[in-house]
Amino acid sequence: MKFEEVVPEVVARHPTCNFLLEVEKDQLDCVRRLKEEEAASNTKEPGCKGTWDNIACWDRAEFGETVTIPCPRALKTIFGRTGDL
């Protein structure tokens, strides 16, 4: 008897892996978008640069501006609801 016949194939991921994959995908999307925005802006504008903070992507902001962003996808998956940061 072959191993494959005795042990069924498992096609799933541990929830922790899903979380890490979501965060990694969001990071790549964020960094790409921020680089494109920076390249499109020819001048050095005053204010805060956009950044990735290890869980969420923050857009550029003027000094004194309050920024609110939607809850990151990975956190929505964990908590099962939407919200803002």
N, C-alpha and C. Protein backbone atom coordinates (compact mmCIF):
# COMPACT_ATOMS: atom_id res chain seq x y z
N MET A 1 0.84 -1.16 0.00
CA MET A 1 0.00 0.00 0.00
C MET A 1 0.89 1.24 0.00
N LYS A 2 0.51 2.23 -0.80
CA LYS A 2 1.29 3.46 -0.91
C LYS A 2 0.88 4.44 0.19
N PHE A 3 1.82 5.29 0.53
CA PHE A 3 1.58 6.30 1.55
C PHE A 3 0.37 7.17 1.21
N GLU A 4 0.27 7.58 -0.07
CA GLU A 4 -0.82 8.45 -0.51
C GLU A 4 -2.19 7.79 -0.33
N GLU A 5 -2.23 6.48 -0.37
CA GLU A 5 -3.49 5.77 -0.21
C GLU A 5 -3.92 5.72 1.25
N VAL A 6 -2.96 5.74 2.16
CA VAL A 6 -3.24 5.64 3.59
C VAL A 6 -3.52 7.01 4.21
N VAL A 7 -2.74 8.02 3.81
CA VAL A 7 -2.85 9.35 4.37
C VAL A 7 -3.52 10.26 3.34
N PRO A 8 -4.68 10.81 3.68
CA PRO A 8 -5.35 11.68 2.71
C PRO A 8 -4.60 13.00 2.53
N GLU A 9 -4.73 13.59 1.36
CA GLU A 9 -4.10 14.86 1.08
C GLU A 9 -4.86 15.97 1.83
N VAL A 10 -4.11 16.85 2.43
CA VAL A 10 -4.70 17.96 3.17
C VAL A 10 -4.46 19.23 2.36
N VAL A 11 -5.54 19.94 2.09
CA VAL A 11 -5.43 21.18 1.32
C VAL A 11 -6.00 22.31 2.18
N ALA A 12 -5.17 22.83 3.07
CA ALA A 12 -5.59 23.91 3.96
C ALA A 12 -4.36 24.58 4.53
N ARG A 13 -4.58 25.73 5.12
CA ARG A 13 -3.49 26.45 5.79
C ARG A 13 -3.88 26.73 7.22
N HIS A 14 -2.90 26.73 8.05
CA HIS A 14 -3.10 27.12 9.44
C HIS A 14 -3.50 28.59 9.47
N PRO A 15 -4.43 28.99 10.32
CA PRO A 15 -4.87 30.39 10.36
C PRO A 15 -3.73 31.41 10.53
N THR A 16 -2.70 31.04 11.26
CA THR A 16 -1.56 31.94 11.43
C THR A 16 -0.88 32.21 10.09
N CYS A 17 -0.77 31.17 9.27
CA CYS A 17 -0.17 31.34 7.95
C CYS A 17 -1.02 32.26 7.09
N ASN A 18 -2.34 32.09 7.13
CA ASN A 18 -3.22 32.97 6.37
C ASN A 18 -3.03 34.42 6.79
N PHE A 19 -2.94 34.65 8.09
CA PHE A 19 -2.75 36.00 8.61
C PHE A 19 -1.45 36.59 8.06
N LEU A 20 -0.36 35.83 8.16
CA LEU A 20 0.94 36.32 7.70
C LEU A 20 0.95 36.57 6.20
N LEU A 21 0.28 35.72 5.43
CA LEU A 21 0.20 35.92 3.99
C LEU A 21 -0.59 37.18 3.65
N GLU A 22 -1.67 37.43 4.37
CA GLU A 22 -2.47 38.64 4.15
C GLU A 22 -1.62 39.88 4.45
N VAL A 23 -0.89 39.86 5.55
CA VAL A 23 -0.06 41.00 5.92
C VAL A 23 1.03 41.21 4.87
N GLU A 24 1.67 40.15 4.42
CA GLU A 24 2.73 40.28 3.42
C GLU A 24 2.18 40.85 2.11
N LYS A 25 1.02 40.37 1.68
CA LYS A 25 0.42 40.88 0.45
C LYS A 25 0.08 42.37 0.60
N ASP A 26 -0.50 42.74 1.72
CA ASP A 26 -0.83 44.14 1.96
C ASP A 26 0.42 45.01 1.97
N GLN A 27 1.50 44.49 2.56
CA GLN A 27 2.76 45.25 2.60
C GLN A 27 3.28 45.49 1.18
N LEU A 28 3.29 44.46 0.36
CA LEU A 28 3.78 44.61 -1.01
C LEU A 28 2.93 45.61 -1.79
N ASP A 29 1.60 45.52 -1.64
CA ASP A 29 0.70 46.47 -2.31
C ASP A 29 0.96 47.90 -1.83
N CYS A 30 1.14 48.06 -0.54
CA CYS A 30 1.36 49.38 0.05
C CYS A 30 2.67 50.00 -0.46
N VAL A 31 3.74 49.25 -0.37
CA VAL A 31 5.05 49.77 -0.78
C VAL A 31 5.03 50.14 -2.27
N ARG A 32 4.41 49.31 -3.08
CA ARG A 32 4.31 49.59 -4.52
C ARG A 32 3.54 50.89 -4.75
N ARG A 33 2.37 51.02 -4.10
CA ARG A 33 1.53 52.21 -4.28
C ARG A 33 2.24 53.47 -3.80
N LEU A 34 2.90 53.40 -2.64
CA LEU A 34 3.60 54.57 -2.11
C LEU A 34 4.75 54.99 -3.03
N LYS A 35 5.46 54.02 -3.60
CA LYS A 35 6.55 54.35 -4.54
C LYS A 35 6.00 55.01 -5.80
N GLU A 36 4.86 54.49 -6.30
CA GLU A 36 4.25 55.10 -7.48
C GLU A 36 3.81 56.53 -7.20
N GLU A 37 3.21 56.76 -6.05
CA GLU A 37 2.76 58.11 -5.68
C GLU A 37 3.94 59.05 -5.53
N GLU A 38 5.03 58.56 -4.93
CA GLU A 38 6.21 59.39 -4.73
C GLU A 38 6.85 59.74 -6.08
N ALA A 39 6.88 58.77 -7.00
CA ALA A 39 7.46 59.01 -8.32
C ALA A 39 6.60 59.99 -9.12
N ALA A 40 5.29 59.96 -8.94
CA ALA A 40 4.39 60.85 -9.67
C ALA A 40 4.47 62.29 -9.16
N SER A 41 4.89 62.47 -7.92
CA SER A 41 5.00 63.81 -7.34
C SER A 41 6.44 64.28 -7.53
N ASN A 42 6.61 65.30 -8.34
CA ASN A 42 7.96 65.78 -8.68
C ASN A 42 8.62 66.58 -7.56
N THR A 43 7.82 67.18 -6.71
CA THR A 43 8.38 68.08 -5.69
C THR A 43 8.37 67.41 -4.32
N LYS A 44 9.19 67.91 -3.47
CA LYS A 44 9.20 67.46 -2.07
C LYS A 44 8.12 68.25 -1.33
N GLU A 45 6.99 67.62 -1.11
CA GLU A 45 5.88 68.29 -0.44
C GLU A 45 6.08 68.22 1.07
N PRO A 46 5.73 69.31 1.78
CA PRO A 46 5.85 69.27 3.24
C PRO A 46 4.80 68.32 3.82
N GLY A 47 5.09 67.79 4.96
CA GLY A 47 4.14 66.90 5.60
C GLY A 47 4.78 65.55 5.91
N CYS A 48 3.95 64.59 6.19
CA CYS A 48 4.41 63.25 6.55
C CYS A 48 4.30 62.32 5.36
N LYS A 49 5.36 61.59 5.09
CA LYS A 49 5.34 60.63 3.99
C LYS A 49 4.42 59.46 4.35
N GLY A 50 3.88 58.83 3.32
CA GLY A 50 3.13 57.60 3.54
C GLY A 50 4.08 56.52 4.02
N THR A 51 3.55 55.55 4.76
CA THR A 51 4.42 54.52 5.31
C THR A 51 3.66 53.22 5.58
N TRP A 52 4.39 52.15 5.66
CA TRP A 52 3.88 50.85 6.08
C TRP A 52 4.32 50.66 7.53
N ASP A 53 3.39 50.36 8.44
CA ASP A 53 3.75 50.24 9.86
C ASP A 53 3.71 48.80 10.38
N ASN A 54 3.89 47.85 9.51
CA ASN A 54 3.90 46.41 9.81
C ASN A 54 2.52 45.78 9.90
N ILE A 55 1.46 46.58 9.75
CA ILE A 55 0.11 46.01 9.71
C ILE A 55 -0.82 46.82 8.80
N ALA A 56 -0.52 48.11 8.63
CA ALA A 56 -1.40 48.98 7.84
C ALA A 56 -0.58 49.94 6.98
N CYS A 57 -1.23 50.39 5.91
CA CYS A 57 -0.61 51.35 4.98
C CYS A 57 -1.20 52.73 5.26
N TRP A 58 -0.33 53.66 5.57
CA TRP A 58 -0.75 55.02 5.88
C TRP A 58 -0.38 55.94 4.72
N ASP A 59 -1.38 56.69 4.24
CA ASP A 59 -1.14 57.63 3.15
C ASP A 59 -0.41 58.86 3.66
N ARG A 60 0.17 59.58 2.73
CA ARG A 60 0.84 60.85 3.03
C ARG A 60 -0.17 61.80 3.67
N ALA A 61 0.31 62.66 4.55
CA ALA A 61 -0.58 63.62 5.22
C ALA A 61 0.14 64.96 5.40
N GLU A 62 -0.64 66.00 5.42
CA GLU A 62 -0.11 67.34 5.71
C GLU A 62 0.18 67.43 7.21
N PHE A 63 1.08 68.33 7.59
CA PHE A 63 1.34 68.56 9.01
C PHE A 63 0.03 68.96 9.69
N GLY A 64 -0.28 68.34 10.82
CA GLY A 64 -1.48 68.65 11.56
C GLY A 64 -2.73 67.92 11.09
N GLU A 65 -2.66 67.23 9.96
CA GLU A 65 -3.81 66.51 9.42
C GLU A 65 -4.00 65.20 10.19
N THR A 66 -5.24 64.87 10.51
CA THR A 66 -5.56 63.59 11.14
C THR A 66 -5.98 62.62 10.04
N VAL A 67 -5.36 61.46 10.02
CA VAL A 67 -5.64 60.47 8.99
C VAL A 67 -6.36 59.29 9.60
N THR A 68 -7.41 58.86 8.94
CA THR A 68 -8.15 57.66 9.34
C THR A 68 -8.13 56.71 8.16
N ILE A 69 -7.82 55.45 8.43
CA ILE A 69 -7.80 54.45 7.36
C ILE A 69 -8.69 53.27 7.76
N PRO A 70 -9.19 52.52 6.76
CA PRO A 70 -9.98 51.34 7.09
C PRO A 70 -9.12 50.30 7.80
N CYS A 71 -9.76 49.50 8.60
CA CYS A 71 -9.07 48.41 9.30
C CYS A 71 -8.39 47.51 8.28
N PRO A 72 -7.13 47.14 8.50
CA PRO A 72 -6.43 46.27 7.56
C PRO A 72 -7.14 44.92 7.40
N ARG A 73 -7.02 44.38 6.20
CA ARG A 73 -7.69 43.12 5.85
C ARG A 73 -7.35 42.00 6.84
N ALA A 74 -6.10 41.89 7.24
CA ALA A 74 -5.70 40.82 8.16
C ALA A 74 -6.43 40.93 9.50
N LEU A 75 -6.62 42.15 9.99
CA LEU A 75 -7.33 42.33 11.26
C LEU A 75 -8.82 42.07 11.11
N LYS A 76 -9.38 42.40 9.95
CA LYS A 76 -10.79 42.09 9.69
C LYS A 76 -11.00 40.58 9.77
N THR A 77 -10.04 39.83 9.24
CA THR A 77 -10.13 38.37 9.25
C THR A 77 -10.13 37.84 10.69
N ILE A 78 -9.29 38.39 11.54
CA ILE A 78 -9.19 37.93 12.93
C ILE A 78 -10.43 38.30 13.73
N PHE A 79 -10.85 39.57 13.63
CA PHE A 79 -11.93 40.06 14.48
C PHE A 79 -13.31 39.91 13.86
N GLY A 80 -13.37 39.66 12.55
CA GLY A 80 -14.64 39.42 11.90
C GLY A 80 -15.54 40.64 11.76
N ARG A 81 -14.97 41.82 11.82
CA ARG A 81 -15.76 43.04 11.63
C ARG A 81 -14.89 44.15 11.06
N THR A 82 -15.55 45.17 10.56
CA THR A 82 -14.81 46.28 9.97
C THR A 82 -14.70 47.43 10.96
N GLY A 83 -13.82 48.34 10.67
CA GLY A 83 -13.64 49.50 11.53
C GLY A 83 -12.57 50.39 10.93
N ASP A 84 -12.12 51.35 11.66
CA ASP A 84 -11.10 52.29 11.21
C ASP A 84 -9.97 52.37 12.22
N LEU A 85 -8.81 52.80 11.72
CA LEU A 85 -7.66 53.07 12.58
C LEU A 85 -7.41 54.55 12.56
